[in-house]
Amino acid sequence: MLKYYPGGSAYENWGDGSLYTRPASGTSVLSLSNGSLIFSGGGLTHPWTNAITLGSNNKVTAPSQIKLSLNINTSSGLFKGQALSEMGRVLSFQGVVLEKANIGVGYFLNNGECGQVYLGAP
């Protein structure tokens, strides 16, 4: 389970959002079939991009050499998963789908730092 960073943050934060409407059965939450899942910040030495495929059943798959699990809750628009980083560390992540922007955004924690997750077009 992800936890809050006890030392807080010295940065100004902002938020963005949109109304989420559950898609009809057999319809993807995002209008893309081939996309990217990108991890950045959070102590990573450089952004790390993973090619993914999003099926009409909202199942995410990745090439077999990429160790990645990503589950999208179509009722809420929330997603979560785990990925094996290039450094060999398992990163747990979570986020939310922003339908109007046709992306998913979220975060992961790594060695006491917080990083960003982007799900969308390559």
PDB file of N, CA and C in Angstrom:
ATOM      1  N   MET A   1       0.841  -1.183   0.000  1.00  0.00           N
ATOM      2  CA  MET A   1       0.000   0.000   0.000  1.00  0.00           C
ATOM      3  C   MET A   1       0.882   1.241   0.000  1.00  0.00           C
ATOM      4  N   LEU A   2       0.518   2.217  -0.788  1.00  0.00           N
ATOM      5  CA  LEU A   2       1.264   3.463  -0.839  1.00  0.00           C
ATOM      6  C   LEU A   2       0.968   4.285   0.411  1.00  0.00           C
ATOM      7  N   LYS A   3       1.985   5.024   0.892  1.00  0.00           N
ATOM      8  CA  LYS A   3       1.827   5.820   2.099  1.00  0.00           C
ATOM      9  C   LYS A   3       2.256   7.251   1.824  1.00  0.00           C
ATOM     10  N   TYR A   4       1.813   8.154   2.691  1.00  0.00           N
ATOM     11  CA  TYR A   4       2.206   9.550   2.590  1.00  0.00           C
ATOM     12  C   TYR A   4       3.656   9.721   2.998  1.00  0.00           C
ATOM     13  N   TYR A   5       4.317  10.699   2.402  1.00  0.00           N
ATOM     14  CA  TYR A   5       5.689  11.021   2.766  1.00  0.00           C
ATOM     15  C   TYR A   5       5.642  11.864   4.036  1.00  0.00           C
ATOM     16  N   PRO A   6       6.213  11.383   5.149  1.00  0.00           N
ATOM     17  CA  PRO A   6       6.074  12.083   6.429  1.00  0.00           C
ATOM     18  C   PRO A   6       6.757  13.447   6.479  1.00  0.00           C
ATOM     19  N   GLY A   7       7.757  13.681   5.602  1.00  0.00           N
ATOM     20  CA  GLY A   7       8.463  14.954   5.626  1.00  0.00           C
ATOM     21  C   GLY A   7       7.734  16.062   4.902  1.00  0.00           C
ATOM     22  N   GLY A   8       6.611  15.739   4.269  1.00  0.00           N
ATOM     23  CA  GLY A   8       5.845  16.756   3.555  1.00  0.00           C
ATOM     24  C   GLY A   8       6.486  17.150   2.239  1.00  0.00           C
ATOM     25  N   SER A   9       6.093  18.300   1.723  1.00  0.00           N
ATOM     26  CA  SER A   9       6.580  18.774   0.439  1.00  0.00           C
ATOM     27  C   SER A   9       6.907  20.257   0.526  1.00  0.00           C
ATOM     28  N   ALA A  10       7.975  20.649  -0.141  1.00  0.00           N
ATOM     29  CA  ALA A  10       8.368  22.057  -0.170  1.00  0.00           C
ATOM     30  C   ALA A  10       7.927  22.710  -1.469  1.00  0.00           C
ATOM     31  N   TYR A  11       7.098  22.025  -2.242  1.00  0.00           N
ATOM     32  CA  TYR A  11       6.684  22.519  -3.543  1.00  0.00           C
ATOM     33  C   TYR A  11       5.210  22.910  -3.547  1.00  0.00           C
ATOM     34  N   GLU A  12       4.899  23.896  -4.350  1.00  0.00           N
ATOM     35  CA  GLU A  12       3.502  24.280  -4.544  1.00  0.00           C
ATOM     36  C   GLU A  12       2.853  23.225  -5.424  1.00  0.00           C
ATOM     37  N   ASN A  13       1.655  22.813  -5.077  1.00  0.00           N
ATOM     38  CA  ASN A  13       0.942  21.778  -5.829  1.00  0.00           C
ATOM     39  C   ASN A  13      -0.322  22.350  -6.449  1.00  0.00           C
ATOM     40  N   TRP A  14      -0.763  21.759  -7.540  1.00  0.00           N
ATOM     41  CA  TRP A  14      -2.008  22.137  -8.182  1.00  0.00           C
ATOM     42  C   TRP A  14      -2.731  20.863  -8.581  1.00  0.00           C
ATOM     43  N   GLY A  15      -3.978  20.983  -8.865  1.00  0.00           N
ATOM     44  CA  GLY A  15      -4.774  19.822  -9.244  1.00  0.00           C
ATOM     45  C   GLY A  15      -5.618  20.099 -10.468  1.00  0.00           C
ATOM     46  N   ASP A  16      -6.039  19.053 -11.098  1.00  0.00           N
ATOM     47  CA  ASP A  16      -6.896  19.125 -12.274  1.00  0.00           C
ATOM     48  C   ASP A  16      -7.797  17.908 -12.228  1.00  0.00           C
ATOM     49  N   GLY A  17      -8.944  17.994 -12.821  1.00  0.00           N
ATOM     50  CA  GLY A  17      -9.846  16.858 -12.810  1.00  0.00           C
ATOM     51  C   GLY A  17     -10.943  17.008 -13.834  1.00  0.00           C
ATOM     52  N   SER A  18     -11.738  15.979 -13.936  1.00  0.00           N
ATOM     53  CA  SER A  18     -12.884  16.019 -14.833  1.00  0.00           C
ATOM     54  C   SER A  18     -13.891  14.968 -14.371  1.00  0.00           C
ATOM     55  N   LEU A  19     -15.117  15.140 -14.791  1.00  0.00           N
ATOM     56  CA  LEU A  19     -16.170  14.188 -14.471  1.00  0.00           C
ATOM     57  C   LEU A  19     -15.881  12.873 -15.178  1.00  0.00           C
ATOM     58  N   TYR A  20     -16.026  11.768 -14.460  1.00  0.00           N
ATOM     59  CA  TYR A  20     -15.811  10.448 -15.039  1.00  0.00           C
ATOM     60  C   TYR A  20     -17.156   9.778 -15.247  1.00  0.00           C
ATOM     61  N   THR A  21     -17.355   9.236 -16.427  1.00  0.00           N
ATOM     62  CA  THR A  21     -18.560   8.480 -16.735  1.00  0.00           C
ATOM     63  C   THR A  21     -18.138   7.068 -17.117  1.00  0.00           C
ATOM     64  N   ARG A  22     -18.690   6.098 -16.426  1.00  0.00           N
ATOM     65  CA  ARG A  22     -18.344   4.696 -16.713  1.00  0.00           C
ATOM     66  C   ARG A  22     -18.662   4.373 -18.177  1.00  0.00           C
ATOM     67  N   PRO A  23     -17.713   3.766 -18.892  1.00  0.00           N
ATOM     68  CA  PRO A  23     -17.967   3.429 -20.291  1.00  0.00           C
ATOM     69  C   PRO A  23     -18.937   2.251 -20.415  1.00  0.00           C
ATOM     70  N   ALA A  24     -19.607   2.187 -21.545  1.00  0.00           N
ATOM     71  CA  ALA A  24     -20.492   1.058 -21.818  1.00  0.00           C
ATOM     72  C   ALA A  24     -19.662  -0.222 -21.902  1.00  0.00           C
ATOM     73  N   SER A  25     -20.269  -1.335 -21.610  1.00  0.00           N
ATOM     74  CA  SER A  25     -19.581  -2.618 -21.690  1.00  0.00           C
ATOM     75  C   SER A  25     -18.962  -2.799 -23.082  1.00  0.00           C
ATOM     76  N   GLY A  26     -17.721  -3.239 -23.129  1.00  0.00           N
ATOM     77  CA  GLY A  26     -17.036  -3.435 -24.399  1.00  0.00           C
ATOM     78  C   GLY A  26     -16.408  -2.171 -24.954  1.00  0.00           C
ATOM     79  N   THR A  27     -16.437  -1.083 -24.178  1.00  0.00           N
ATOM     80  CA  THR A  27     -15.862   0.193 -24.608  1.00  0.00           C
ATOM     81  C   THR A  27     -14.692   0.536 -23.698  1.00  0.00           C
ATOM     82  N   SER A  28     -13.600   0.973 -24.289  1.00  0.00           N
ATOM     83  CA  SER A  28     -12.410   1.332 -23.530  1.00  0.00           C
ATOM     84  C   SER A  28     -12.596   2.657 -22.786  1.00  0.00           C
ATOM     85  N   VAL A  29     -11.947   2.793 -21.634  1.00  0.00           N
ATOM     86  CA  VAL A  29     -12.016   4.039 -20.861  1.00  0.00           C
ATOM     87  C   VAL A  29     -11.228   5.159 -21.538  1.00  0.00           C
ATOM     88  N   LEU A  30     -10.257   4.815 -22.373  1.00  0.00           N
ATOM     89  CA  LEU A  30      -9.473   5.794 -23.131  1.00  0.00           C
ATOM     90  C   LEU A  30      -9.584   5.483 -24.613  1.00  0.00           C
ATOM     91  N   SER A  31      -9.551   6.508 -25.436  1.00  0.00           N
ATOM     92  CA  SER A  31      -9.642   6.328 -26.886  1.00  0.00           C
ATOM     93  C   SER A  31      -8.259   6.078 -27.476  1.00  0.00           C
ATOM     94  N   LEU A  32      -7.713   4.933 -27.135  1.00  0.00           N
ATOM     95  CA  LEU A  32      -6.443   4.517 -27.711  1.00  0.00           C
ATOM     96  C   LEU A  32      -6.334   3.009 -27.567  1.00  0.00           C
ATOM     97  N   SER A  33      -5.627   2.394 -28.478  1.00  0.00           N
ATOM     98  CA  SER A  33      -5.389   0.964 -28.348  1.00  0.00           C
ATOM     99  C   SER A  33      -3.928   0.707 -28.010  1.00  0.00           C
ATOM    100  N   ASN A  34      -3.019   1.436 -28.671  1.00  0.00           N
ATOM    101  CA  ASN A  34      -1.599   1.343 -28.361  1.00  0.00           C
ATOM    102  C   ASN A  34      -1.196   2.620 -27.641  1.00  0.00           C
ATOM    103  N   GLY A  35      -0.531   2.454 -26.518  1.00  0.00           N
ATOM    104  CA  GLY A  35      -0.174   3.629 -25.741  1.00  0.00           C
ATOM    105  C   GLY A  35       1.130   3.447 -25.000  1.00  0.00           C
ATOM    106  N   SER A  36       1.374   4.361 -24.087  1.00  0.00           N
ATOM    107  CA  SER A  36       2.584   4.341 -23.272  1.00  0.00           C
ATOM    108  C   SER A  36       2.224   4.504 -21.808  1.00  0.00           C
ATOM    109  N   LEU A  37       2.993   3.851 -20.981  1.00  0.00           N
ATOM    110  CA  LEU A  37       2.939   4.042 -19.538  1.00  0.00           C
ATOM    111  C   LEU A  37       4.327   4.561 -19.171  1.00  0.00           C
ATOM    112  N   ILE A  38       4.388   5.821 -18.745  1.00  0.00           N
ATOM    113  CA  ILE A  38       5.670   6.487 -18.515  1.00  0.00           C
ATOM    114  C   ILE A  38       5.823   6.819 -17.034  1.00  0.00           C
ATOM    115  N   PHE A  39       6.967   6.443 -16.486  1.00  0.00           N
ATOM    116  CA  PHE A  39       7.335   6.756 -15.110  1.00  0.00           C
ATOM    117  C   PHE A  39       8.443   7.803 -15.154  1.00  0.00           C
ATOM    118  N   SER A  40       8.336   8.842 -14.320  1.00  0.00           N
ATOM    119  CA  SER A  40       9.387   9.861 -14.263  1.00  0.00           C
ATOM    120  C   SER A  40       9.499  10.400 -12.841  1.00  0.00           C
ATOM    121  N   GLY A  41      10.666  10.985 -12.545  1.00  0.00           N
ATOM    122  CA  GLY A  41      10.908  11.499 -11.207  1.00  0.00           C
ATOM    123  C   GLY A  41      11.050  10.369 -10.208  1.00  0.00           C
ATOM    124  N   GLY A  42      10.784  10.667  -8.963  1.00  0.00           N
ATOM    125  CA  GLY A  42      10.770   9.640  -7.930  1.00  0.00           C
ATOM    126  C   GLY A  42      12.068   8.881  -7.745  1.00  0.00           C
ATOM    127  N   GLY A  43      13.179   9.522  -8.012  1.00  0.00           N
ATOM    128  CA  GLY A  43      14.464   8.863  -7.827  1.00  0.00           C
ATOM    129  C   GLY A  43      14.931   8.041  -9.012  1.00  0.00           C
ATOM    130  N   LEU A  44      14.145   8.007 -10.096  1.00  0.00           N
ATOM    131  CA  LEU A  44      14.595   7.310 -11.299  1.00  0.00           C
ATOM    132  C   LEU A  44      15.675   8.155 -11.973  1.00  0.00           C
ATOM    133  N   THR A  45      16.631   7.529 -12.604  1.00  0.00           N
ATOM    134  CA  THR A  45      17.713   8.278 -13.241  1.00  0.00           C
ATOM    135  C   THR A  45      17.265   8.960 -14.525  1.00  0.00           C
ATOM    136  N   HIS A  46      16.204   8.438 -15.150  1.00  0.00           N
ATOM    137  CA  HIS A  46      15.644   9.036 -16.360  1.00  0.00           C
ATOM    138  C   HIS A  46      14.214   8.521 -16.528  1.00  0.00           C
ATOM    139  N   PRO A  47      13.362   9.231 -17.310  1.00  0.00           N
ATOM    140  CA  PRO A  47      12.009   8.726 -17.554  1.00  0.00           C
ATOM    141  C   PRO A  47      12.072   7.331 -18.169  1.00  0.00           C
ATOM    142  N   TRP A  48      11.112   6.524 -17.811  1.00  0.00           N
ATOM    143  CA  TRP A  48      11.089   5.128 -18.224  1.00  0.00           C
ATOM    144  C   TRP A  48       9.745   4.859 -18.901  1.00  0.00           C
ATOM    145  N   THR A  49       9.787   4.502 -20.189  1.00  0.00           N
ATOM    146  CA  THR A  49       8.587   4.339 -21.006  1.00  0.00           C
ATOM    147  C   THR A  49       8.326   2.867 -21.296  1.00  0.00           C
ATOM    148  N   ASN A  50       7.071   2.463 -21.137  1.00  0.00           N
ATOM    149  CA  ASN A  50       6.636   1.100 -21.430  1.00  0.00           C
ATOM    150  C   ASN A  50       5.542   1.138 -22.483  1.00  0.00           C
ATOM    151  N   ALA A  51       5.688   0.377 -23.544  1.00  0.00           N
ATOM    152  CA  ALA A  51       4.629   0.251 -24.546  1.00  0.00           C
ATOM    153  C   ALA A  51       3.532  -0.646 -23.972  1.00  0.00           C
ATOM    154  N   ILE A  52       2.279  -0.229 -24.142  1.00  0.00           N
ATOM    155  CA  ILE A  52       1.155  -1.029 -23.653  1.00  0.00           C
ATOM    156  C   ILE A  52       0.072  -1.073 -24.730  1.00  0.00           C
ATOM    157  N   THR A  53      -0.817  -2.051 -24.585  1.00  0.00           N
ATOM    158  CA  THR A  53      -2.003  -2.151 -25.425  1.00  0.00           C
ATOM    159  C   THR A  53      -3.206  -2.154 -24.502  1.00  0.00           C
ATOM    160  N   LEU A  54      -4.195  -1.322 -24.821  1.00  0.00           N
ATOM    161  CA  LEU A  54      -5.424  -1.246 -24.041  1.00  0.00           C
ATOM    162  C   LEU A  54      -6.549  -1.839 -24.877  1.00  0.00           C
ATOM    163  N   GLY A  55      -7.095  -2.966 -24.411  1.00  0.00           N
ATOM    164  CA  GLY A  55      -8.173  -3.632 -25.129  1.00  0.00           C
ATOM    165  C   GLY A  55      -9.524  -2.999 -24.859  1.00  0.00           C
ATOM    166  N   SER A  56     -10.502  -3.332 -25.681  1.00  0.00           N
ATOM    167  CA  SER A  56     -11.851  -2.788 -25.496  1.00  0.00           C
ATOM    168  C   SER A  56     -12.474  -3.269 -24.190  1.00  0.00           C
ATOM    169  N   ASN A  57     -11.899  -4.330 -23.610  1.00  0.00           N
ATOM    170  CA  ASN A  57     -12.350  -4.825 -22.304  1.00  0.00           C
ATOM    171  C   ASN A  57     -11.603  -4.154 -21.156  1.00  0.00           C
ATOM    172  N   ASN A  58     -10.795  -3.129 -21.492  1.00  0.00           N
ATOM    173  CA  ASN A  58     -10.006  -2.358 -20.526  1.00  0.00           C
ATOM    174  C   ASN A  58      -8.915  -3.179 -19.845  1.00  0.00           C
ATOM    175  N   LYS A  59      -8.488  -4.241 -20.495  1.00  0.00           N
ATOM    176  CA  LYS A  59      -7.352  -5.026 -20.038  1.00  0.00           C
ATOM    177  C   LYS A  59      -6.095  -4.465 -20.684  1.00  0.00           C
ATOM    178  N   VAL A  60      -5.087  -4.224 -19.861  1.00  0.00           N
ATOM    179  CA  VAL A  60      -3.819  -3.680 -20.339  1.00  0.00           C
ATOM    180  C   VAL A  60      -2.823  -4.819 -20.477  1.00  0.00           C
ATOM    181  N   THR A  61      -2.173  -4.880 -21.626  1.00  0.00           N
ATOM    182  CA  THR A  61      -1.122  -5.862 -21.843  1.00  0.00           C
ATOM    183  C   THR A  61       0.136  -5.137 -22.288  1.00  0.00           C
ATOM    184  N   ALA A  62       1.262  -5.786 -22.030  1.00  0.00           N
ATOM    185  CA  ALA A  62       2.560  -5.253 -22.415  1.00  0.00           C
ATOM    186  C   ALA A  62       3.354  -6.383 -23.055  1.00  0.00           C
ATOM    187  N   PRO A  63       4.383  -6.044 -23.834  1.00  0.00           N
ATOM    188  CA  PRO A  63       5.236  -7.107 -24.380  1.00  0.00           C
ATOM    189  C   PRO A  63       5.756  -8.000 -23.256  1.00  0.00           C
ATOM    190  N   SER A  64       5.985  -9.275 -23.563  1.00  0.00           N
ATOM    191  CA  SER A  64       6.319 -10.259 -22.526  1.00  0.00           C
ATOM    192  C   SER A  64       7.576  -9.914 -21.731  1.00  0.00           C
ATOM    193  N   GLN A  65       8.522  -9.198 -22.320  1.00  0.00           N
ATOM    194  CA  GLN A  65       9.748  -8.869 -21.591  1.00  0.00           C
ATOM    195  C   GLN A  65       9.530  -7.770 -20.555  1.00  0.00           C
ATOM    196  N   ILE A  66       8.405  -7.076 -20.611  1.00  0.00           N
ATOM    197  CA  ILE A  66       8.096  -6.024 -19.647  1.00  0.00           C
ATOM    198  C   ILE A  66       7.253  -6.625 -18.523  1.00  0.00           C
ATOM    199  N   LYS A  67       7.748  -6.563 -17.320  1.00  0.00           N
ATOM    200  CA  LYS A  67       7.030  -7.097 -16.155  1.00  0.00           C
ATOM    201  C   LYS A  67       6.136  -5.990 -15.608  1.00  0.00           C
ATOM    202  N   LEU A  68       4.850  -6.062 -15.973  1.00  0.00           N
ATOM    203  CA  LEU A  68       3.924  -4.978 -15.673  1.00  0.00           C
ATOM    204  C   LEU A  68       2.530  -5.536 -15.443  1.00  0.00           C
ATOM    205  N   SER A  69       1.863  -5.034 -14.409  1.00  0.00           N
ATOM    206  CA  SER A  69       0.444  -5.315 -14.217  1.00  0.00           C
ATOM    207  C   SER A  69      -0.255  -3.982 -14.017  1.00  0.00           C
ATOM    208  N   LEU A  70      -1.383  -3.804 -14.676  1.00  0.00           N
ATOM    209  CA  LEU A  70      -2.150  -2.563 -14.579  1.00  0.00           C
ATOM    210  C   LEU A  70      -3.621  -2.920 -14.652  1.00  0.00           C
ATOM    211  N   ASN A  71      -4.362  -2.553 -13.619  1.00  0.00           N
ATOM    212  CA  ASN A  71      -5.794  -2.814 -13.568  1.00  0.00           C
ATOM    213  C   ASN A  71      -6.545  -1.491 -13.517  1.00  0.00           C
ATOM    214  N   ILE A  72      -7.561  -1.377 -14.348  1.00  0.00           N
ATOM    215  CA  ILE A  72      -8.399  -0.181 -14.391  1.00  0.00           C
ATOM    216  C   ILE A  72      -9.769  -0.530 -13.836  1.00  0.00           C
ATOM    217  N   ASN A  73     -10.218   0.204 -12.830  1.00  0.00           N
ATOM    218  CA  ASN A  73     -11.547   0.028 -12.273  1.00  0.00           C
ATOM    219  C   ASN A  73     -12.498   0.883 -13.106  1.00  0.00           C
ATOM    220  N   THR A  74     -13.296   0.255 -13.944  1.00  0.00           N
ATOM    221  CA  THR A  74     -14.175   1.015 -14.844  1.00  0.00           C
ATOM    222  C   THR A  74     -15.320   1.700 -14.096  1.00  0.00           C
ATOM    223  N   SER A  75     -15.631   1.263 -12.888  1.00  0.00           N
ATOM    224  CA  SER A  75     -16.689   1.918 -12.111  1.00  0.00           C
ATOM    225  C   SER A  75     -16.254   3.287 -11.613  1.00  0.00           C
ATOM    226  N   SER A  76     -14.969   3.409 -11.249  1.00  0.00           N
ATOM    227  CA  SER A  76     -14.483   4.651 -10.643  1.00  0.00           C
ATOM    228  C   SER A  76     -13.515   5.437 -11.527  1.00  0.00           C
ATOM    229  N   GLY A  77     -12.881   4.770 -12.487  1.00  0.00           N
ATOM    230  CA  GLY A  77     -11.859   5.424 -13.301  1.00  0.00           C
ATOM    231  C   GLY A  77     -10.481   5.409 -12.656  1.00  0.00           C
ATOM    232  N   LEU A  78     -10.347   4.727 -11.533  1.00  0.00           N
ATOM    233  CA  LEU A  78      -9.056   4.629 -10.860  1.00  0.00           C
ATOM    234  C   LEU A  78      -8.264   3.455 -11.437  1.00  0.00           C
ATOM    235  N   PHE A  79      -6.940   3.595 -11.455  1.00  0.00           N
ATOM    236  CA  PHE A  79      -6.101   2.480 -11.877  1.00  0.00           C
ATOM    237  C   PHE A  79      -4.981   2.272 -10.871  1.00  0.00           C
ATOM    238  N   LYS A  80      -4.446   1.063 -10.857  1.00  0.00           N
ATOM    239  CA  LYS A  80      -3.301   0.748 -10.006  1.00  0.00           C
ATOM    240  C   LYS A  80      -2.568  -0.438 -10.601  1.00  0.00           C
ATOM    241  N   GLY A  81      -1.326  -0.560 -10.206  1.00  0.00           N
ATOM    242  CA  GLY A  81      -0.545  -1.666 -10.712  1.00  0.00           C
ATOM    243  C   GLY A  81       0.841  -1.706 -10.136  1.00  0.00           C
ATOM    244  N   GLN A  82       1.651  -2.575 -10.741  1.00  0.00           N
ATOM    245  CA  GLN A  82       3.050  -2.722 -10.372  1.00  0.00           C
ATOM    246  C   GLN A  82       3.866  -2.911 -11.630  1.00  0.00           C
ATOM    247  N   ALA A  83       5.100  -2.432 -11.584  1.00  0.00           N
ATOM    248  CA  ALA A  83       6.013  -2.588 -12.709  1.00  0.00           C
ATOM    249  C   ALA A  83       7.409  -2.842 -12.171  1.00  0.00           C
ATOM    250  N   LEU A  84       8.150  -3.691 -12.867  1.00  0.00           N
ATOM    251  CA  LEU A  84       9.535  -3.940 -12.519  1.00  0.00           C
ATOM    252  C   LEU A  84      10.380  -2.923 -13.261  1.00  0.00           C
ATOM    253  N   SER A  85      11.020  -2.019 -12.509  1.00  0.00           N
ATOM    254  CA  SER A  85      11.789  -0.944 -13.123  1.00  0.00           C
ATOM    255  C   SER A  85      13.059  -1.475 -13.773  1.00  0.00           C
ATOM    256  N   GLU A  86      13.682  -0.635 -14.575  1.00  0.00           N
ATOM    257  CA  GLU A  86      14.935  -1.003 -15.220  1.00  0.00           C
ATOM    258  C   GLU A  86      16.039  -1.231 -14.194  1.00  0.00           C
ATOM    259  N   MET A  87      15.843  -0.713 -12.975  1.00  0.00           N
ATOM    260  CA  MET A  87      16.818  -0.890 -11.895  1.00  0.00           C
ATOM    261  C   MET A  87      16.529  -2.163 -11.092  1.00  0.00           C
ATOM    262  N   GLY A  88      15.494  -2.929 -11.509  1.00  0.00           N
ATOM    263  CA  GLY A  88      15.158  -4.170 -10.834  1.00  0.00           C
ATOM    264  C   GLY A  88      14.307  -4.005  -9.589  1.00  0.00           C
ATOM    265  N   ARG A  89      13.719  -2.840  -9.411  1.00  0.00           N
ATOM    266  CA  ARG A  89      12.878  -2.559  -8.242  1.00  0.00           C
ATOM    267  C   ARG A  89      11.410  -2.583  -8.664  1.00  0.00           C
ATOM    268  N   VAL A  90      10.569  -3.227  -7.854  1.00  0.00           N
ATOM    269  CA  VAL A  90       9.136  -3.240  -8.126  1.00  0.00           C
ATOM    270  C   VAL A  90       8.549  -1.905  -7.676  1.00  0.00           C
ATOM    271  N   LEU A  91       7.898  -1.210  -8.594  1.00  0.00           N
ATOM    272  CA  LEU A  91       7.242   0.056  -8.301  1.00  0.00           C
ATOM    273  C   LEU A  91       5.735  -0.169  -8.280  1.00  0.00           C
ATOM    274  N   SER A  92       5.099   0.137  -7.158  1.00  0.00           N
ATOM    275  CA  SER A  92       3.637   0.126  -7.074  1.00  0.00           C
ATOM    276  C   SER A  92       3.167   1.529  -7.422  1.00  0.00           C
ATOM    277  N   PHE A  93       2.121   1.615  -8.221  1.00  0.00           N
ATOM    278  CA  PHE A  93       1.625   2.917  -8.653  1.00  0.00           C
ATOM    279  C   PHE A  93       0.115   2.929  -8.665  1.00  0.00           C
ATOM    280  N   GLN A  94      -0.443   4.136  -8.705  1.00  0.00           N
ATOM    281  CA  GLN A  94      -1.890   4.301  -8.800  1.00  0.00           C
ATOM    282  C   GLN A  94      -2.199   5.651  -9.420  1.00  0.00           C
ATOM    283  N   GLY A  95      -3.421   5.779  -9.936  1.00  0.00           N
ATOM    284  CA  GLY A  95      -3.796   7.024 -10.568  1.00  0.00           C
ATOM    285  C   GLY A  95      -5.254   7.036 -10.971  1.00  0.00           C
ATOM    286  N   VAL A  96      -5.585   7.979 -11.831  1.00  0.00           N
ATOM    287  CA  VAL A  96      -6.965   8.192 -12.248  1.00  0.00           C
ATOM    288  C   VAL A  96      -7.014   8.484 -13.740  1.00  0.00           C
ATOM    289  N   VAL A  97      -8.071   8.048 -14.387  1.00  0.00           N
ATOM    290  CA  VAL A  97      -8.313   8.325 -15.800  1.00  0.00           C
ATOM    291  C   VAL A  97      -8.997   9.686 -15.922  1.00  0.00           C
ATOM    292  N   LEU A  98      -8.478  10.535 -16.795  1.00  0.00           N
ATOM    293  CA  LEU A  98      -9.109  11.824 -17.112  1.00  0.00           C
ATOM    294  C   LEU A  98      -9.665  11.702 -18.530  1.00  0.00           C
ATOM    295  N   GLU A  99     -10.961  11.395 -18.622  1.00  0.00           N
ATOM    296  CA  GLU A  99     -11.577  11.097 -19.918  1.00  0.00           C
ATOM    297  C   GLU A  99     -11.454  12.231 -20.925  1.00  0.00           C
ATOM    298  N   LYS A 100     -11.747  13.453 -20.500  1.00  0.00           N
ATOM    299  CA  LYS A 100     -11.717  14.579 -21.452  1.00  0.00           C
ATOM    300  C   LYS A 100     -10.333  14.792 -22.033  1.00  0.00           C
ATOM    301  N   ALA A 101      -9.292  14.548 -21.255  1.00  0.00           N
ATOM    302  CA  ALA A 101      -7.919  14.697 -21.730  1.00  0.00           C
ATOM    303  C   ALA A 101      -7.422  13.423 -22.418  1.00  0.00           C
ATOM    304  N   ASN A 102      -8.174  12.333 -22.292  1.00  0.00           N
ATOM    305  CA  ASN A 102      -7.821  11.032 -22.869  1.00  0.00           C
ATOM    306  C   ASN A 102      -6.474  10.523 -22.343  1.00  0.00           C
ATOM    307  N   ILE A 103      -6.262  10.684 -21.031  1.00  0.00           N
ATOM    308  CA  ILE A 103      -5.037  10.216 -20.389  1.00  0.00           C
ATOM    309  C   ILE A 103      -5.349   9.662 -19.007  1.00  0.00           C
ATOM    310  N   GLY A 104      -4.380   9.004 -18.437  1.00  0.00           N
ATOM    311  CA  GLY A 104      -4.401   8.630 -17.042  1.00  0.00           C
ATOM    312  C   GLY A 104      -3.166   9.238 -16.385  1.00  0.00           C
ATOM    313  N   VAL A 105      -3.297   9.725 -15.182  1.00  0.00           N
ATOM    314  CA  VAL A 105      -2.168  10.299 -14.455  1.00  0.00           C
ATOM    315  C   VAL A 105      -2.163   9.745 -13.039  1.00  0.00           C
ATOM    316  N   GLY A 106      -0.955   9.623 -12.483  1.00  0.00           N
ATOM    317  CA  GLY A 106      -0.859   9.089 -11.141  1.00  0.00           C
ATOM    318  C   GLY A 106       0.524   9.265 -10.568  1.00  0.00           C
ATOM    319  N   TYR A 107       0.824   8.440  -9.577  1.00  0.00           N
ATOM    320  CA  TYR A 107       2.100   8.571  -8.883  1.00  0.00           C
ATOM    321  C   TYR A 107       2.594   7.219  -8.400  1.00  0.00           C
ATOM    322  N   PHE A 108       3.881   7.195  -8.046  1.00  0.00           N
ATOM    323  CA  PHE A 108       4.497   6.056  -7.384  1.00  0.00           C
ATOM    324  C   PHE A 108       5.469   6.584  -6.338  1.00  0.00           C
ATOM    325  N   LEU A 109       5.780   5.755  -5.356  1.00  0.00           N
ATOM    326  CA  LEU A 109       6.757   6.106  -4.332  1.00  0.00           C
ATOM    327  C   LEU A 109       7.978   5.213  -4.520  1.00  0.00           C
ATOM    328  N   ASN A 110       9.174   5.815  -4.343  1.00  0.00           N
ATOM    329  CA  ASN A 110      10.411   5.077  -4.537  1.00  0.00           C
ATOM    330  C   ASN A 110      11.497   5.698  -3.668  1.00  0.00           C
ATOM    331  N   ASN A 111      12.016   4.947  -2.724  1.00  0.00           N
ATOM    332  CA  ASN A 111      13.105   5.423  -1.862  1.00  0.00           C
ATOM    333  C   ASN A 111      12.802   6.775  -1.219  1.00  0.00           C
ATOM    334  N   GLY A 112      11.601   6.949  -0.713  1.00  0.00           N
ATOM    335  CA  GLY A 112      11.233   8.186  -0.034  1.00  0.00           C
ATOM    336  C   GLY A 112      10.909   9.339  -0.962  1.00  0.00           C
ATOM    337  N   GLU A 113      10.849   9.095  -2.257  1.00  0.00           N
ATOM    338  CA  GLU A 113      10.503  10.139  -3.221  1.00  0.00           C
ATOM    339  C   GLU A 113       9.231   9.754  -3.968  1.00  0.00           C
ATOM    340  N   CYS A 114       8.552  10.763  -4.484  1.00  0.00           N
ATOM    341  CA  CYS A 114       7.317  10.560  -5.229  1.00  0.00           C
ATOM    342  C   CYS A 114       7.581  10.856  -6.706  1.00  0.00           C
ATOM    343  N   GLY A 115       7.113   9.957  -7.577  1.00  0.00           N
ATOM    344  CA  GLY A 115       7.283  10.156  -9.011  1.00  0.00           C
ATOM    345  C   GLY A 115       5.944  10.194  -9.719  1.00  0.00           C
ATOM    346  N   GLN A 116       5.963  10.562 -11.000  1.00  0.00           N
ATOM    347  CA  GLN A 116       4.760  10.718 -11.797  1.00  0.00           C
ATOM    348  C   GLN A 116       4.573   9.514 -12.731  1.00  0.00           C
ATOM    349  N   VAL A 117       3.297   9.194 -12.975  1.00  0.00           N
ATOM    350  CA  VAL A 117       2.917   8.141 -13.912  1.00  0.00           C
ATOM    351  C   VAL A 117       1.999   8.777 -14.953  1.00  0.00           C
ATOM    352  N   TYR A 118       2.265   8.485 -16.227  1.00  0.00           N
ATOM    353  CA  TYR A 118       1.445   8.963 -17.343  1.00  0.00           C
ATOM    354  C   TYR A 118       0.988   7.764 -18.144  1.00  0.00           C
ATOM    355  N   LEU A 119      -0.303   7.689 -18.440  1.00  0.00           N
ATOM    356  CA  LEU A 119      -0.886   6.647 -19.273  1.00  0.00           C
ATOM    357  C   LEU A 119      -1.596   7.329 -20.419  1.00  0.00           C
ATOM    358  N   GLY A 120      -1.164   7.086 -21.646  1.00  0.00           N
ATOM    359  CA  GLY A 120      -1.803   7.733 -22.782  1.00  0.00           C
ATOM    360  C   GLY A 120      -1.124   7.406 -24.084  1.00  0.00           C
ATOM    361  N   ALA A 121      -1.366   8.263 -25.073  1.00  0.00           N
ATOM    362  CA  ALA A 121      -0.782   8.062 -26.399  1.00  0.00           C
ATOM    363  C   ALA A 121       0.730   8.182 -26.314  1.00  0.00           C
ATOM    364  N   PRO A 122       1.431   7.423 -27.167  1.00  0.00           N
ATOM    365  CA  PRO A 122       2.906   7.488 -27.157  1.00  0.00           C
ATOM    366  C   PRO A 122       3.425   8.856 -27.542  1.00  0.00           C
TER     367      PRO A 122
END
